[in-house]
Amino acid sequence: MSDEDIGADTPPLTLKIVEAVAELKRVDSAQLPPLGSVINPDALNELFTDSSTVRKHQQAFVCFQYCDYTVFAYDDHSIMVEHHPDHTMA
Protein backbone atom coordinates (compact mmCIF):
# COMPACT_ATOMS: atom_id res chain seq x y z
CA MET A 1 0.00 0.00 0.00
CA SER A 2 1.48 3.36 -0.94
CA ASP A 3 1.24 6.60 1.02
CA GLU A 4 -1.40 7.77 -1.45
CA ASP A 5 -3.56 4.72 -0.64
CA ILE A 6 -3.71 5.65 3.05
CA GLY A 7 -6.23 8.45 3.03
CA ALA A 8 -9.69 9.52 3.98
CA ASP A 9 -11.21 6.19 2.92
CA THR A 10 -8.95 4.21 5.25
CA PRO A 11 -10.30 3.89 8.80
CA PRO A 12 -7.90 4.87 11.58
CA LEU A 13 -5.77 2.04 12.95
CA THR A 14 -7.35 2.52 16.35
CA LEU A 15 -10.85 1.96 15.00
CA LYS A 16 -9.74 -1.14 13.08
CA ILE A 17 -8.12 -2.55 16.23
CA VAL A 18 -11.11 -1.96 18.50
CA GLU A 19 -13.51 -3.40 15.93
CA ALA A 20 -11.32 -6.49 15.37
CA VAL A 21 -10.99 -7.21 19.09
CA ALA A 22 -14.71 -6.68 19.64
CA GLU A 23 -15.49 -9.11 16.82
CA LEU A 24 -13.12 -11.73 18.23
CA LYS A 25 -14.59 -11.32 21.73
CA ARG A 26 -18.10 -11.30 20.24
CA VAL A 27 -19.07 -8.09 22.01
CA ASP A 28 -20.01 -4.59 20.97
CA SER A 29 -16.96 -2.33 20.71
CA ALA A 30 -18.53 0.00 23.30
CA GLN A 31 -18.15 -2.79 25.86
CA LEU A 32 -14.35 -2.81 25.55
CA PRO A 33 -12.11 -0.67 27.74
CA PRO A 34 -10.78 2.47 26.05
CA LEU A 35 -7.82 1.73 23.79
CA GLY A 36 -6.22 4.78 25.40
CA SER A 37 -5.79 2.77 28.59
CA VAL A 38 -2.97 0.79 26.91
CA ILE A 39 -1.62 3.01 24.12
CA ASN A 40 -1.86 6.62 22.97
CA PRO A 41 -4.52 6.42 20.21
CA ASP A 42 -3.55 9.71 18.56
CA ALA A 43 0.11 8.71 18.41
CA LEU A 44 -0.80 5.31 16.97
CA ASN A 45 -2.99 6.85 14.27
CA GLU A 46 -0.24 9.31 13.32
CA LEU A 47 2.70 6.92 13.59
CA PHE A 48 2.62 5.59 10.03
CA THR A 49 1.03 8.57 8.28
CA ASP A 50 4.28 10.53 8.09
CA SER A 51 6.16 9.19 5.07
CA SER A 52 9.46 9.69 6.89
CA THR A 53 8.51 6.89 9.31
CA VAL A 54 7.57 4.42 6.60
CA ARG A 55 10.46 2.20 5.58
CA LYS A 56 10.63 1.33 1.91
CA HIS A 57 12.24 -2.12 2.24
CA GLN A 58 11.36 -3.27 5.75
CA GLN A 59 7.96 -3.54 7.35
CA ALA A 60 7.56 -1.45 10.48
CA PHE A 61 5.07 -2.31 13.20
CA VAL A 62 3.94 -1.63 16.75
CA CYS A 63 2.97 -4.44 19.10
CA PHE A 64 0.95 -4.10 22.32
CA GLN A 65 -1.52 -5.91 24.58
CA TYR A 66 -5.24 -5.08 24.60
CA CYS A 67 -8.03 -7.12 26.23
CA ASP A 68 -6.08 -10.40 26.38
CA TYR A 69 -4.97 -9.98 22.77
CA THR A 70 -1.61 -9.15 21.26
CA VAL A 71 -2.11 -6.50 18.59
CA PHE A 72 0.29 -5.85 15.74
CA ALA A 73 -0.29 -2.61 13.81
CA TYR A 74 1.73 -2.36 10.60
CA ASP A 75 2.95 0.57 8.51
CA ASP A 76 0.64 -0.44 5.65
CA HIS A 77 -2.30 0.05 8.08
CA SER A 78 -2.98 -3.66 8.32
CA ILE A 79 -3.41 -5.28 11.71
CA MET A 80 -3.03 -8.73 13.21
CA VAL A 81 -4.69 -9.70 16.47
CA GLU A 82 -3.74 -12.85 18.40
CA HIS A 83 -5.46 -14.18 21.51
CA HIS A 84 -3.11 -14.61 24.47
CA PRO A 85 -5.19 -14.74 27.67
CA ASP A 86 -2.26 -15.58 29.96
CA HIS A 87 0.46 -13.79 28.02
CA THR A 88 2.10 -10.61 29.27
CA MET A 89 4.71 -8.68 27.36
CA ALA A 90 8.06 -8.10 29.04
PDB file of N, CA and C in Angstrom:
ATOM      1  N   MET A   1       0.856  -1.176   0.000  1.00  0.00           N
ATOM      2  CA  MET A   1       0.000   0.000   0.000  1.00  0.00           C
ATOM      3  C   MET A   1       0.896   1.231   0.000  1.00  0.00           C
ATOM      4  N   SER A   2       0.672   2.153  -0.868  1.00  0.00           N
ATOM      5  CA  SER A   2       1.480   3.360  -0.942  1.00  0.00           C
ATOM      6  C   SER A   2       0.915   4.427  -0.025  1.00  0.00           C
ATOM      7  N   ASP A   3       1.694   5.494   0.192  1.00  0.00           N
ATOM      8  CA  ASP A   3       1.240   6.602   1.020  1.00  0.00           C
ATOM      9  C   ASP A   3      -0.062   7.188   0.490  1.00  0.00           C
ATOM     10  N   GLU A   4      -0.201   7.191  -0.857  1.00  0.00           N
ATOM     11  CA  GLU A   4      -1.402   7.768  -1.447  1.00  0.00           C
ATOM     12  C   GLU A   4      -2.639   6.926  -1.139  1.00  0.00           C
ATOM     13  N   ASP A   5      -2.441   5.609  -0.927  1.00  0.00           N
ATOM     14  CA  ASP A   5      -3.560   4.719  -0.640  1.00  0.00           C
ATOM     15  C   ASP A   5      -4.115   4.915   0.764  1.00  0.00           C
ATOM     16  N   ILE A   6      -3.296   5.449   1.667  1.00  0.00           N
ATOM     17  CA  ILE A   6      -3.711   5.646   3.049  1.00  0.00           C
ATOM     18  C   ILE A   6      -4.288   7.046   3.152  1.00  0.00           C
ATOM     19  N   GLY A   7      -5.603   7.137   3.052  1.00  0.00           N
ATOM     20  CA  GLY A   7      -6.226   8.448   3.033  1.00  0.00           C
ATOM     21  C   GLY A   7      -7.536   8.447   3.767  1.00  0.00           C
ATOM     22  N   ALA A   8      -8.416   9.307   3.311  1.00  0.00           N
ATOM     23  CA  ALA A   8      -9.691   9.525   3.977  1.00  0.00           C
ATOM     24  C   ALA A   8     -10.561   8.272   3.983  1.00  0.00           C
ATOM     25  N   ASP A   9     -10.390   7.397   2.989  1.00  0.00           N
ATOM     26  CA  ASP A   9     -11.211   6.192   2.918  1.00  0.00           C
ATOM     27  C   ASP A   9     -10.718   5.079   3.835  1.00  0.00           C
ATOM     28  N   THR A  10      -9.517   5.220   4.381  1.00  0.00           N
ATOM     29  CA  THR A  10      -8.950   4.210   5.250  1.00  0.00           C
ATOM     30  C   THR A  10      -9.306   4.532   6.699  1.00  0.00           C
ATOM     31  N   PRO A  11      -9.967   3.605   7.399  1.00  0.00           N
ATOM     32  CA  PRO A  11     -10.300   3.886   8.798  1.00  0.00           C
ATOM     33  C   PRO A  11      -9.031   3.984   9.645  1.00  0.00           C
ATOM     34  N   PRO A  12      -9.069   4.767  10.703  1.00  0.00           N
ATOM     35  CA  PRO A  12      -7.896   4.871  11.575  1.00  0.00           C
ATOM     36  C   PRO A  12      -7.525   3.501  12.135  1.00  0.00           C
ATOM     37  N   LEU A  13      -6.231   3.294  12.366  1.00  0.00           N
ATOM     38  CA  LEU A  13      -5.768   2.039  12.950  1.00  0.00           C
ATOM     39  C   LEU A  13      -6.507   1.733  14.245  1.00  0.00           C
ATOM     40  N   THR A  14      -6.710   2.748  15.058  1.00  0.00           N
ATOM     41  CA  THR A  14      -7.354   2.525  16.353  1.00  0.00           C
ATOM     42  C   THR A  14      -8.756   1.965  16.188  1.00  0.00           C
ATOM     43  N   LEU A  15      -9.503   2.456  15.240  1.00  0.00           N
ATOM     44  CA  LEU A  15     -10.851   1.957  14.995  1.00  0.00           C
ATOM     45  C   LEU A  15     -10.798   0.515  14.500  1.00  0.00           C
ATOM     46  N   LYS A  16      -9.887   0.224  13.589  1.00  0.00           N
ATOM     47  CA  LYS A  16      -9.743  -1.139  13.078  1.00  0.00           C
ATOM     48  C   LYS A  16      -9.407  -2.109  14.211  1.00  0.00           C
ATOM     49  N   ILE A  17      -8.542  -1.683  15.123  1.00  0.00           N
ATOM     50  CA  ILE A  17      -8.122  -2.545  16.226  1.00  0.00           C
ATOM     51  C   ILE A  17      -9.288  -2.826  17.164  1.00  0.00           C
ATOM     52  N   VAL A  18      -9.988  -1.788  17.578  1.00  0.00           N
ATOM     53  CA  VAL A  18     -11.110  -1.964  18.499  1.00  0.00           C
ATOM     54  C   VAL A  18     -12.193  -2.834  17.866  1.00  0.00           C
ATOM     55  N   GLU A  19     -12.496  -2.602  16.607  1.00  0.00           N
ATOM     56  CA  GLU A  19     -13.510  -3.403  15.931  1.00  0.00           C
ATOM     57  C   GLU A  19     -13.080  -4.866  15.794  1.00  0.00           C
ATOM     58  N   ALA A  20     -11.819  -5.111  15.509  1.00  0.00           N
ATOM     59  CA  ALA A  20     -11.325  -6.487  15.371  1.00  0.00           C
ATOM     60  C   ALA A  20     -11.380  -7.225  16.705  1.00  0.00           C
ATOM     61  N   VAL A  21     -10.955  -6.579  17.772  1.00  0.00           N
ATOM     62  CA  VAL A  21     -10.989  -7.214  19.088  1.00  0.00           C
ATOM     63  C   VAL A  21     -12.435  -7.464  19.521  1.00  0.00           C
ATOM     64  N   ALA A  22     -13.301  -6.504  19.289  1.00  0.00           N
ATOM     65  CA  ALA A  22     -14.713  -6.677  19.637  1.00  0.00           C
ATOM     66  C   ALA A  22     -15.307  -7.867  18.884  1.00  0.00           C
ATOM     67  N   GLU A  23     -14.983  -7.990  17.615  1.00  0.00           N
ATOM     68  CA  GLU A  23     -15.492  -9.111  16.823  1.00  0.00           C
ATOM     69  C   GLU A  23     -14.982 -10.441  17.366  1.00  0.00           C
ATOM     70  N   LEU A  24     -13.689 -10.497  17.700  1.00  0.00           N
ATOM     71  CA  LEU A  24     -13.120 -11.732  18.232  1.00  0.00           C
ATOM     72  C   LEU A  24     -13.716 -12.095  19.593  1.00  0.00           C
ATOM     73  N   LYS A  25     -13.999 -11.083  20.408  1.00  0.00           N
ATOM     74  CA  LYS A  25     -14.590 -11.319  21.726  1.00  0.00           C
ATOM     75  C   LYS A  25     -16.110 -11.491  21.653  1.00  0.00           C
ATOM     76  N   ARG A  26     -16.655 -11.224  20.469  1.00  0.00           N
ATOM     77  CA  ARG A  26     -18.103 -11.301  20.244  1.00  0.00           C
ATOM     78  C   ARG A  26     -18.878 -10.375  21.176  1.00  0.00           C
ATOM     79  N   VAL A  27     -18.403  -9.136  21.236  1.00  0.00           N
ATOM     80  CA  VAL A  27     -19.071  -8.095  22.013  1.00  0.00           C
ATOM     81  C   VAL A  27     -19.144  -6.831  21.171  1.00  0.00           C
ATOM     82  N   ASP A  28     -19.952  -5.900  21.606  1.00  0.00           N
ATOM     83  CA  ASP A  28     -20.006  -4.589  20.968  1.00  0.00           C
ATOM     84  C   ASP A  28     -18.738  -3.830  21.352  1.00  0.00           C
ATOM     85  N   SER A  29     -18.197  -3.064  20.431  1.00  0.00           N
ATOM     86  CA  SER A  29     -16.955  -2.329  20.707  1.00  0.00           C
ATOM     87  C   SER A  29     -17.097  -1.369  21.889  1.00  0.00           C
ATOM     88  N   ALA A  30     -18.311  -0.895  22.165  1.00  0.00           N
ATOM     89  CA  ALA A  30     -18.532   0.003  23.303  1.00  0.00           C
ATOM     90  C   ALA A  30     -18.323  -0.708  24.639  1.00  0.00           C
ATOM     91  N   GLN A  31     -18.339  -2.034  24.635  1.00  0.00           N
ATOM     92  CA  GLN A  31     -18.146  -2.794  25.863  1.00  0.00           C
ATOM     93  C   GLN A  31     -16.670  -2.987  26.215  1.00  0.00           C
ATOM     94  N   LEU A  32     -15.780  -2.662  25.304  1.00  0.00           N
ATOM     95  CA  LEU A  32     -14.348  -2.812  25.547  1.00  0.00           C
ATOM     96  C   LEU A  32     -13.814  -1.612  26.322  1.00  0.00           C
ATOM     97  N   PRO A  33     -12.733  -1.813  27.087  1.00  0.00           N
ATOM     98  CA  PRO A  33     -12.111  -0.667  27.740  1.00  0.00           C
ATOM     99  C   PRO A  33     -11.525   0.268  26.688  1.00  0.00           C
ATOM    100  N   PRO A  34     -11.356   1.534  27.021  1.00  0.00           N
ATOM    101  CA  PRO A  34     -10.783   2.475  26.049  1.00  0.00           C
ATOM    102  C   PRO A  34      -9.392   2.016  25.606  1.00  0.00           C
ATOM    103  N   LEU A  35      -9.139   2.092  24.314  1.00  0.00           N
ATOM    104  CA  LEU A  35      -7.825   1.733  23.795  1.00  0.00           C
ATOM    105  C   LEU A  35      -6.753   2.621  24.424  1.00  0.00           C
ATOM    106  N   GLY A  36      -7.143   3.837  24.778  1.00  0.00           N
ATOM    107  CA  GLY A  36      -6.220   4.779  25.400  1.00  0.00           C
ATOM    108  C   GLY A  36      -5.702   4.327  26.752  1.00  0.00           C
ATOM    109  N   SER A  37      -6.287   3.281  27.311  1.00  0.00           N
ATOM    110  CA  SER A  37      -5.789   2.765  28.586  1.00  0.00           C
ATOM    111  C   SER A  37      -4.513   1.951  28.406  1.00  0.00           C
ATOM    112  N   VAL A  38      -4.178   1.581  27.155  1.00  0.00           N
ATOM    113  CA  VAL A  38      -2.974   0.787  26.910  1.00  0.00           C
ATOM    114  C   VAL A  38      -1.996   1.432  25.928  1.00  0.00           C
ATOM    115  N   ILE A  39      -2.486   2.357  25.111  1.00  0.00           N
ATOM    116  CA  ILE A  39      -1.618   3.007  24.121  1.00  0.00           C
ATOM    117  C   ILE A  39      -2.219   4.361  23.760  1.00  0.00           C
ATOM    118  N   ASN A  40      -1.382   5.301  23.367  1.00  0.00           N
ATOM    119  CA  ASN A  40      -1.863   6.619  22.971  1.00  0.00           C
ATOM    120  C   ASN A  40      -2.503   6.503  21.586  1.00  0.00           C
ATOM    121  N   PRO A  41      -3.843   6.617  21.500  1.00  0.00           N
ATOM    122  CA  PRO A  41      -4.515   6.417  20.209  1.00  0.00           C
ATOM    123  C   PRO A  41      -4.118   7.438  19.149  1.00  0.00           C
ATOM    124  N   ASP A  42      -3.944   8.690  19.540  1.00  0.00           N
ATOM    125  CA  ASP A  42      -3.547   9.712  18.561  1.00  0.00           C
ATOM    126  C   ASP A  42      -2.164   9.415  17.990  1.00  0.00           C
ATOM    127  N   ALA A  43      -1.246   9.027  18.861  1.00  0.00           N
ATOM    128  CA  ALA A  43       0.108   8.710  18.405  1.00  0.00           C
ATOM    129  C   ALA A  43       0.098   7.496  17.478  1.00  0.00           C
ATOM    130  N   LEU A  44      -0.717   6.488  17.817  1.00  0.00           N
ATOM    131  CA  LEU A  44      -0.805   5.305  16.967  1.00  0.00           C
ATOM    132  C   LEU A  44      -1.364   5.650  15.598  1.00  0.00           C
ATOM    133  N   ASN A  45      -2.407   6.453  15.550  1.00  0.00           N
ATOM    134  CA  ASN A  45      -2.992   6.846  14.268  1.00  0.00           C
ATOM    135  C   ASN A  45      -2.019   7.650  13.416  1.00  0.00           C
ATOM    136  N   GLU A  46      -1.186   8.455  14.053  1.00  0.00           N
ATOM    137  CA  GLU A  46      -0.244   9.311  13.324  1.00  0.00           C
ATOM    138  C   GLU A  46       1.076   8.634  12.999  1.00  0.00           C
ATOM    139  N   LEU A  47       1.377   7.545  13.683  1.00  0.00           N
ATOM    140  CA  LEU A  47       2.696   6.919  13.586  1.00  0.00           C
ATOM    141  C   LEU A  47       3.123   6.610  12.160  1.00  0.00           C
ATOM    142  N   PHE A  48       2.255   6.019  11.381  1.00  0.00           N
ATOM    143  CA  PHE A  48       2.622   5.593  10.034  1.00  0.00           C
ATOM    144  C   PHE A  48       2.043   6.496   8.944  1.00  0.00           C
ATOM    145  N   THR A  49       1.532   7.669   9.307  1.00  0.00           N
ATOM    146  CA  THR A  49       1.025   8.575   8.283  1.00  0.00           C
ATOM    147  C   THR A  49       2.113   9.487   7.746  1.00  0.00           C
ATOM    148  N   ASP A  50       3.153   9.707   8.522  1.00  0.00           N
ATOM    149  CA  ASP A  50       4.278  10.527   8.089  1.00  0.00           C
ATOM    150  C   ASP A  50       5.187   9.656   7.235  1.00  0.00           C
ATOM    151  N   SER A  51       5.369  10.024   5.983  1.00  0.00           N
ATOM    152  CA  SER A  51       6.155   9.194   5.068  1.00  0.00           C
ATOM    153  C   SER A  51       7.590   8.996   5.538  1.00  0.00           C
ATOM    154  N   SER A  52       8.089   9.866   6.406  1.00  0.00           N
ATOM    155  CA  SER A  52       9.457   9.688   6.892  1.00  0.00           C
ATOM    156  C   SER A  52       9.566   8.503   7.834  1.00  0.00           C
ATOM    157  N   THR A  53       8.451   8.038   8.409  1.00  0.00           N
ATOM    158  CA  THR A  53       8.506   6.894   9.312  1.00  0.00           C
ATOM    159  C   THR A  53       8.273   5.582   8.593  1.00  0.00           C
ATOM    160  N   VAL A  54       7.855   5.642   7.347  1.00  0.00           N
ATOM    161  CA  VAL A  54       7.569   4.422   6.600  1.00  0.00           C
ATOM    162  C   VAL A  54       8.842   3.964   5.903  1.00  0.00           C
ATOM    163  N   ARG A  55       9.263   2.763   6.209  1.00  0.00           N
ATOM    164  CA  ARG A  55      10.455   2.203   5.577  1.00  0.00           C
ATOM    165  C   ARG A  55      10.071   1.622   4.224  1.00  0.00           C
ATOM    166  N   LYS A  56      10.933   1.794   3.263  1.00  0.00           N
ATOM    167  CA  LYS A  56      10.634   1.332   1.908  1.00  0.00           C
ATOM    168  C   LYS A  56      10.926  -0.155   1.717  1.00  0.00           C
ATOM    169  N   HIS A  57      11.858  -0.738   2.479  1.00  0.00           N
ATOM    170  CA  HIS A  57      12.244  -2.120   2.242  1.00  0.00           C
ATOM    171  C   HIS A  57      11.983  -3.032   3.438  1.00  0.00           C
ATOM    172  N   GLN A  58      11.652  -2.472   4.578  1.00  0.00           N
ATOM    173  CA  GLN A  58      11.360  -3.269   5.753  1.00  0.00           C
ATOM    174  C   GLN A  58      10.005  -2.862   6.294  1.00  0.00           C
ATOM    175  N   GLN A  59       9.270  -3.839   6.780  1.00  0.00           N
ATOM    176  CA  GLN A  59       7.962  -3.540   7.347  1.00  0.00           C
ATOM    177  C   GLN A  59       8.134  -3.089   8.786  1.00  0.00           C
ATOM    178  N   ALA A  60       7.529  -1.966   9.119  1.00  0.00           N
ATOM    179  CA  ALA A  60       7.563  -1.453  10.484  1.00  0.00           C
ATOM    180  C   ALA A  60       6.239  -1.787  11.154  1.00  0.00           C
ATOM    181  N   PHE A  61       6.287  -2.014  12.473  1.00  0.00           N
ATOM    182  CA  PHE A  61       5.065  -2.312  13.198  1.00  0.00           C
ATOM    183  C   PHE A  61       5.186  -1.918  14.653  1.00  0.00           C
ATOM    184  N   VAL A  62       4.041  -1.854  15.320  1.00  0.00           N
ATOM    185  CA  VAL A  62       3.945  -1.628  16.752  1.00  0.00           C
ATOM    186  C   VAL A  62       3.183  -2.813  17.320  1.00  0.00           C
ATOM    187  N   CYS A  63       3.608  -3.297  18.466  1.00  0.00           N
ATOM    188  CA  CYS A  63       2.966  -4.439  19.103  1.00  0.00           C
ATOM    189  C   CYS A  63       2.605  -4.058  20.536  1.00  0.00           C
ATOM    190  N   PHE A  64       1.383  -4.392  20.955  1.00  0.00           N
ATOM    191  CA  PHE A  64       0.955  -4.100  22.323  1.00  0.00           C
ATOM    192  C   PHE A  64      -0.171  -5.044  22.737  1.00  0.00           C
ATOM    193  N   GLN A  65      -0.458  -5.075  24.025  1.00  0.00           N
ATOM    194  CA  GLN A  65      -1.519  -5.909  24.585  1.00  0.00           C
ATOM    195  C   GLN A  65      -2.798  -5.097  24.746  1.00  0.00           C
ATOM    196  N   TYR A  66      -3.939  -5.723  24.428  1.00  0.00           N
ATOM    197  CA  TYR A  66      -5.243  -5.083  24.604  1.00  0.00           C
ATOM    198  C   TYR A  66      -6.289  -6.173  24.797  1.00  0.00           C
ATOM    199  N   CYS A  67      -6.924  -6.193  25.941  1.00  0.00           N
ATOM    200  CA  CYS A  67      -8.032  -7.124  26.228  1.00  0.00           C
ATOM    201  C   CYS A  67      -7.656  -8.581  25.994  1.00  0.00           C
ATOM    202  N   ASP A  68      -6.551  -9.021  26.531  1.00  0.00           N
ATOM    203  CA  ASP A  68      -6.083 -10.402  26.377  1.00  0.00           C
ATOM    204  C   ASP A  68      -5.684 -10.747  24.948  1.00  0.00           C
ATOM    205  N   TYR A  69      -5.416  -9.761  24.139  1.00  0.00           N
ATOM    206  CA  TYR A  69      -4.966  -9.979  22.768  1.00  0.00           C
ATOM    207  C   TYR A  69      -3.649  -9.246  22.553  1.00  0.00           C
ATOM    208  N   THR A  70      -2.805  -9.829  21.717  1.00  0.00           N
ATOM    209  CA  THR A  70      -1.609  -9.146  21.260  1.00  0.00           C
ATOM    210  C   THR A  70      -1.956  -8.537  19.915  1.00  0.00           C
ATOM    211  N   VAL A  71      -1.756  -7.234  19.800  1.00  0.00           N
ATOM    212  CA  VAL A  71      -2.113  -6.499  18.592  1.00  0.00           C
ATOM    213  C   VAL A  71      -0.835  -6.060  17.887  1.00  0.00           C
ATOM    214  N   PHE A  72      -0.786  -6.332  16.585  1.00  0.00           N
ATOM    215  CA  PHE A  72       0.293  -5.851  15.737  1.00  0.00           C
ATOM    216  C   PHE A  72      -0.330  -4.865  14.755  1.00  0.00           C
ATOM    217  N   ALA A  73       0.165  -3.637  14.750  1.00  0.00           N
ATOM    218  CA  ALA A  73      -0.289  -2.614  13.807  1.00  0.00           C
ATOM    219  C   ALA A  73       0.886  -2.305  12.883  1.00  0.00           C
ATOM    220  N   TYR A  74       0.658  -2.472  11.583  1.00  0.00           N
ATOM    221  CA  TYR A  74       1.731  -2.360  10.598  1.00  0.00           C
ATOM    222  C   TYR A  74       1.686  -1.041   9.836  1.00  0.00           C
ATOM    223  N   ASP A  75       2.823  -0.697   9.236  1.00  0.00           N
ATOM    224  CA  ASP A  75       2.953   0.568   8.515  1.00  0.00           C
ATOM    225  C   ASP A  75       2.077   0.648   7.271  1.00  0.00           C
ATOM    226  N   ASP A  76       1.561  -0.478   6.788  1.00  0.00           N
ATOM    227  CA  ASP A  76       0.642  -0.438   5.650  1.00  0.00           C
ATOM    228  C   ASP A  76      -0.816  -0.346   6.118  1.00  0.00           C
ATOM    229  N   HIS A  77      -0.993  -0.096   7.410  1.00  0.00           N
ATOM    230  CA  HIS A  77      -2.301   0.053   8.076  1.00  0.00           C
ATOM    231  C   HIS A  77      -3.061  -1.259   8.199  1.00  0.00           C
ATOM    232  N   SER A  78      -2.360  -2.374   8.038  1.00  0.00           N
ATOM    233  CA  SER A  78      -2.977  -3.660   8.324  1.00  0.00           C
ATOM    234  C   SER A  78      -2.757  -3.966   9.802  1.00  0.00           C
ATOM    235  N   ILE A  79      -3.562  -4.878  10.316  1.00  0.00           N
ATOM    236  CA  ILE A  79      -3.412  -5.284  11.709  1.00  0.00           C
ATOM    237  C   ILE A  79      -3.468  -6.800  11.794  1.00  0.00           C
ATOM    238  N   MET A  80      -2.900  -7.325  12.870  1.00  0.00           N
ATOM    239  CA  MET A  80      -3.029  -8.735  13.208  1.00  0.00           C
ATOM    240  C   MET A  80      -3.319  -8.784  14.699  1.00  0.00           C
ATOM    241  N   VAL A  81      -4.287  -9.598  15.074  1.00  0.00           N
ATOM    242  CA  VAL A  81      -4.691  -9.704  16.469  1.00  0.00           C
ATOM    243  C   VAL A  81      -4.644 -11.173  16.856  1.00  0.00           C
ATOM    244  N   GLU A  82      -3.888 -11.471  17.924  1.00  0.00           N
ATOM    245  CA  GLU A  82      -3.744 -12.848  18.395  1.00  0.00           C
ATOM    246  C   GLU A  82      -4.212 -12.929  19.841  1.00  0.00           C
ATOM    247  N   HIS A  83      -4.958 -13.986  20.160  1.00  0.00           N
ATOM    248  CA  HIS A  83      -5.463 -14.175  21.512  1.00  0.00           C
ATOM    249  C   HIS A  83      -4.388 -14.797  22.396  1.00  0.00           C
ATOM    250  N   HIS A  84      -4.089 -14.143  23.505  1.00  0.00           N
ATOM    251  CA  HIS A  84      -3.114 -14.615  24.472  1.00  0.00           C
ATOM    252  C   HIS A  84      -3.626 -14.300  25.875  1.00  0.00           C
ATOM    253  N   PRO A  85      -4.564 -15.083  26.392  1.00  0.00           N
ATOM    254  CA  PRO A  85      -5.191 -14.737  27.666  1.00  0.00           C
ATOM    255  C   PRO A  85      -4.227 -14.726  28.850  1.00  0.00           C
ATOM    256  N   ASP A  86      -3.189 -15.539  28.829  1.00  0.00           N
ATOM    257  CA  ASP A  86      -2.260 -15.582  29.964  1.00  0.00           C
ATOM    258  C   ASP A  86      -0.915 -14.980  29.623  1.00  0.00           C
ATOM    259  N   HIS A  87      -0.823 -14.312  28.494  1.00  0.00           N
ATOM    260  CA  HIS A  87       0.462 -13.785  28.017  1.00  0.00           C
ATOM    261  C   HIS A  87       0.620 -12.333  28.448  1.00  0.00           C
ATOM    262  N   THR A  88       1.774 -12.005  28.982  1.00  0.00           N
ATOM    263  CA  THR A  88       2.101 -10.611  29.268  1.00  0.00           C
ATOM    264  C   THR A  88       3.410 -10.291  28.575  1.00  0.00           C
ATOM    265  N   MET A  89       3.496  -9.098  28.069  1.00  0.00           N
ATOM    266  CA  MET A  89       4.707  -8.676  27.365  1.00  0.00           C
ATOM    267  C   MET A  89       5.726  -8.196  28.379  1.00  0.00           C
ATOM    268  N   ALA A  90       6.984  -8.517  28.146  1.00  0.00           N
ATOM    269  CA  ALA A  90       8.061  -8.099  29.044  1.00  0.00           C
ATOM    270  C   ALA A  90       8.429  -6.665  28.777  1.00  0.00           C
TER     271      ALA A  90
END
